[in-house]
């Protein structure tokens, strides 16, 4: 095994694994498609839906933060 692996690169793996875990919990761990190409498309759709959902959550947090900030 390589001992001089950059730590910054390695920690990206934990972020990817976290997203995979969240997607499995939210959308289920099984795919309904039978063909490999269809499974890839289904995973892309799940990824896009997750990204949209995450964007909406972050936008909501930012908007609420601006609305709750003190007025000058």
N, C-alpha and C. Protein backbone atom coordinates (compact mmCIF):
# COMPACT_ATOMS: atom_id res chain seq x y z
N UNK A 1 0.84 -1.18 0.00
CA UNK A 1 0.00 0.00 0.00
C UNK A 1 0.88 1.25 0.00
N UNK A 2 0.42 2.26 -0.65
CA UNK A 2 1.17 3.50 -0.75
C UNK A 2 1.12 4.25 0.59
N UNK A 3 2.25 4.67 1.10
CA UNK A 3 2.27 5.35 2.39
C UNK A 3 2.29 6.86 2.27
N UNK A 4 2.61 7.40 1.10
CA UNK A 4 2.68 8.85 0.93
C UNK A 4 1.45 9.39 0.20
N UNK A 5 0.30 8.80 0.46
CA UNK A 5 -0.95 9.24 -0.16
C UNK A 5 -1.36 10.58 0.45
N UNK A 6 -1.70 11.58 -0.37
CA UNK A 6 -2.06 12.90 0.17
C UNK A 6 -3.35 12.83 1.00
N UNK A 7 -3.30 13.38 2.20
CA UNK A 7 -4.45 13.32 3.10
C UNK A 7 -5.66 14.08 2.56
N UNK A 8 -5.42 15.20 1.87
CA UNK A 8 -6.54 15.96 1.33
C UNK A 8 -7.31 15.14 0.31
N UNK A 9 -6.61 14.37 -0.49
CA UNK A 9 -7.26 13.51 -1.47
C UNK A 9 -8.02 12.38 -0.78
N UNK A 10 -7.45 11.84 0.27
CA UNK A 10 -8.08 10.72 0.96
C UNK A 10 -9.38 11.15 1.61
N UNK A 11 -9.43 12.35 2.17
CA UNK A 11 -10.64 12.78 2.87
C UNK A 11 -11.79 13.08 1.92
N UNK A 12 -11.52 13.21 0.64
CA UNK A 12 -12.61 13.36 -0.32
C UNK A 12 -13.44 12.08 -0.38
N UNK A 13 -12.78 10.95 -0.14
CA UNK A 13 -13.49 9.67 -0.15
C UNK A 13 -14.55 9.65 0.94
N UNK A 14 -14.25 10.16 2.12
CA UNK A 14 -15.23 10.15 3.20
C UNK A 14 -16.44 11.02 2.85
N UNK A 15 -16.22 12.11 2.12
CA UNK A 15 -17.34 12.95 1.70
C UNK A 15 -18.23 12.21 0.70
N UNK A 16 -17.61 11.50 -0.23
CA UNK A 16 -18.37 10.74 -1.22
C UNK A 16 -19.15 9.62 -0.54
N UNK A 17 -18.53 8.94 0.40
CA UNK A 17 -19.21 7.86 1.12
C UNK A 17 -20.39 8.40 1.93
N UNK A 18 -20.25 9.60 2.47
CA UNK A 18 -21.35 10.21 3.21
C UNK A 18 -22.54 10.49 2.29
N UNK A 19 -22.27 11.05 1.12
CA UNK A 19 -23.35 11.32 0.17
C UNK A 19 -24.02 10.02 -0.26
N UNK A 20 -23.22 8.98 -0.53
CA UNK A 20 -23.79 7.69 -0.90
C UNK A 20 -24.69 7.15 0.20
N UNK A 21 -24.27 7.28 1.44
CA UNK A 21 -25.06 6.80 2.57
C UNK A 21 -26.38 7.56 2.69
N UNK A 22 -26.32 8.87 2.54
CA UNK A 22 -27.53 9.69 2.63
C UNK A 22 -28.50 9.34 1.50
N UNK A 23 -27.98 9.17 0.29
CA UNK A 23 -28.84 8.81 -0.84
C UNK A 23 -29.51 7.46 -0.59
N UNK A 24 -28.78 6.51 -0.06
CA UNK A 24 -29.37 5.20 0.21
C UNK A 24 -30.46 5.29 1.26
N UNK A 25 -30.24 6.11 2.30
CA UNK A 25 -31.25 6.25 3.35
C UNK A 25 -32.49 6.97 2.84
N UNK A 26 -32.30 7.98 2.00
CA UNK A 26 -33.44 8.76 1.51
C UNK A 26 -34.22 8.06 0.41
N UNK A 27 -33.50 7.42 -0.52
CA UNK A 27 -34.14 6.91 -1.72
C UNK A 27 -34.16 5.39 -1.80
N UNK A 28 -33.64 4.72 -0.80
CA UNK A 28 -33.62 3.26 -0.82
C UNK A 28 -32.31 2.73 -1.37
N UNK A 29 -32.01 1.50 -1.00
CA UNK A 29 -30.71 0.94 -1.39
C UNK A 29 -30.79 0.04 -2.61
N UNK A 30 -31.98 -0.16 -3.15
CA UNK A 30 -32.09 -1.02 -4.33
C UNK A 30 -32.56 -0.20 -5.54
N UNK A 31 -32.13 -0.63 -6.70
CA UNK A 31 -32.56 -0.01 -7.95
C UNK A 31 -33.59 -0.92 -8.60
N UNK A 32 -34.57 -0.31 -9.24
CA UNK A 32 -35.64 -1.11 -9.84
C UNK A 32 -35.31 -1.54 -11.27
N UNK A 33 -34.33 -0.94 -11.87
CA UNK A 33 -33.97 -1.26 -13.25
C UNK A 33 -33.27 -2.61 -13.35
N UNK A 34 -33.41 -3.24 -14.52
CA UNK A 34 -32.78 -4.54 -14.75
C UNK A 34 -31.49 -4.41 -15.55
N UNK A 35 -31.50 -3.57 -16.56
CA UNK A 35 -30.34 -3.41 -17.44
C UNK A 35 -29.30 -2.47 -16.81
N UNK A 36 -28.05 -2.73 -17.11
CA UNK A 36 -26.96 -1.94 -16.55
C UNK A 36 -27.07 -0.46 -16.93
N UNK A 37 -27.36 -0.19 -18.20
CA UNK A 37 -27.49 1.19 -18.65
C UNK A 37 -28.64 1.91 -17.94
N UNK A 38 -29.73 1.20 -17.74
CA UNK A 38 -30.87 1.77 -17.03
C UNK A 38 -30.54 2.04 -15.57
N UNK A 39 -29.75 1.17 -14.97
CA UNK A 39 -29.32 1.38 -13.58
C UNK A 39 -28.47 2.64 -13.47
N UNK A 40 -27.57 2.84 -14.44
CA UNK A 40 -26.75 4.05 -14.44
C UNK A 40 -27.61 5.30 -14.56
N UNK A 41 -28.60 5.26 -15.44
CA UNK A 41 -29.50 6.40 -15.61
C UNK A 41 -30.30 6.65 -14.33
N UNK A 42 -30.76 5.58 -13.69
CA UNK A 42 -31.52 5.71 -12.46
C UNK A 42 -30.66 6.34 -11.35
N UNK A 43 -29.39 5.95 -11.28
CA UNK A 43 -28.50 6.54 -10.29
C UNK A 43 -28.23 8.01 -10.59
N UNK A 44 -28.13 8.36 -11.86
CA UNK A 44 -27.94 9.77 -12.22
C UNK A 44 -29.15 10.61 -11.81
N UNK A 45 -30.34 10.05 -12.00
CA UNK A 45 -31.56 10.76 -11.59
C UNK A 45 -31.57 10.94 -10.07
N UNK A 46 -31.20 9.91 -9.34
CA UNK A 46 -31.14 10.00 -7.88
C UNK A 46 -30.13 11.07 -7.46
N UNK A 47 -28.99 11.10 -8.14
CA UNK A 47 -27.97 12.11 -7.83
C UNK A 47 -28.49 13.52 -8.08
N UNK A 48 -29.18 13.72 -9.20
CA UNK A 48 -29.71 15.04 -9.53
C UNK A 48 -30.78 15.45 -8.53
N UNK A 49 -31.67 14.54 -8.18
CA UNK A 49 -32.72 14.85 -7.20
C UNK A 49 -32.10 15.20 -5.86
N UNK A 50 -31.08 14.45 -5.45
CA UNK A 50 -30.39 14.76 -4.19
C UNK A 50 -29.76 16.15 -4.24
N UNK A 51 -29.09 16.47 -5.36
CA UNK A 51 -28.46 17.78 -5.51
C UNK A 51 -29.50 18.91 -5.45
N UNK A 52 -30.63 18.73 -6.11
CA UNK A 52 -31.69 19.75 -6.08
C UNK A 52 -32.23 19.90 -4.67
N UNK A 53 -32.47 18.79 -4.00
CA UNK A 53 -32.98 18.84 -2.64
C UNK A 53 -31.99 19.55 -1.71
N UNK A 54 -30.72 19.26 -1.88
CA UNK A 54 -29.68 19.88 -1.06
C UNK A 54 -29.60 21.38 -1.35
N UNK A 55 -29.71 21.76 -2.62
CA UNK A 55 -29.69 23.17 -2.99
C UNK A 55 -30.86 23.92 -2.36
N UNK A 56 -32.04 23.32 -2.38
CA UNK A 56 -33.22 23.96 -1.79
C UNK A 56 -33.03 24.12 -0.28
N UNK A 57 -32.49 23.10 0.39
CA UNK A 57 -32.23 23.21 1.83
C UNK A 57 -31.27 24.35 2.13
N UNK A 58 -30.18 24.43 1.37
CA UNK A 58 -29.20 25.49 1.61
C UNK A 58 -29.77 26.87 1.31
N UNK A 59 -30.56 26.99 0.24
CA UNK A 59 -31.18 28.27 -0.10
C UNK A 59 -32.15 28.69 1.01
N UNK A 60 -32.88 27.75 1.54
CA UNK A 60 -33.82 28.04 2.64
C UNK A 60 -33.07 28.56 3.86
N UNK A 61 -31.95 27.92 4.19
CA UNK A 61 -31.15 28.35 5.35
C UNK A 61 -30.62 29.76 5.13
N UNK A 62 -30.15 30.06 3.92
CA UNK A 62 -29.63 31.39 3.63
C UNK A 62 -30.74 32.43 3.71
N UNK A 63 -31.89 32.15 3.14
CA UNK A 63 -33.01 33.10 3.16
C UNK A 63 -33.47 33.35 4.58
N UNK A 64 -33.63 32.31 5.37
CA UNK A 64 -34.05 32.47 6.76
C UNK A 64 -33.00 33.27 7.53
N UNK A 65 -31.73 33.03 7.24
CA UNK A 65 -30.65 33.78 7.89
C UNK A 65 -30.74 35.27 7.58
N UNK A 66 -31.03 35.62 6.33
CA UNK A 66 -31.17 37.03 5.98
C UNK A 66 -32.40 37.65 6.62
N UNK A 67 -33.47 36.89 6.71
CA UNK A 67 -34.69 37.42 7.30
C UNK A 67 -34.56 37.62 8.79
N UNK A 68 -33.72 36.83 9.44
CA UNK A 68 -33.55 36.94 10.88
C UNK A 68 -32.41 37.86 11.28
N UNK A 69 -31.66 38.36 10.31
CA UNK A 69 -30.54 39.25 10.64
C UNK A 69 -31.07 40.58 11.15
N UNK A 70 -30.33 41.24 12.03
CA UNK A 70 -30.80 42.52 12.57
C UNK A 70 -30.83 43.60 11.49
N UNK A 71 -31.83 44.43 11.58
CA UNK A 71 -31.97 45.51 10.59
C UNK A 71 -31.24 46.74 11.06
N UNK A 72 -30.68 47.48 10.13
CA UNK A 72 -29.94 48.70 10.48
C UNK A 72 -30.79 49.92 10.35
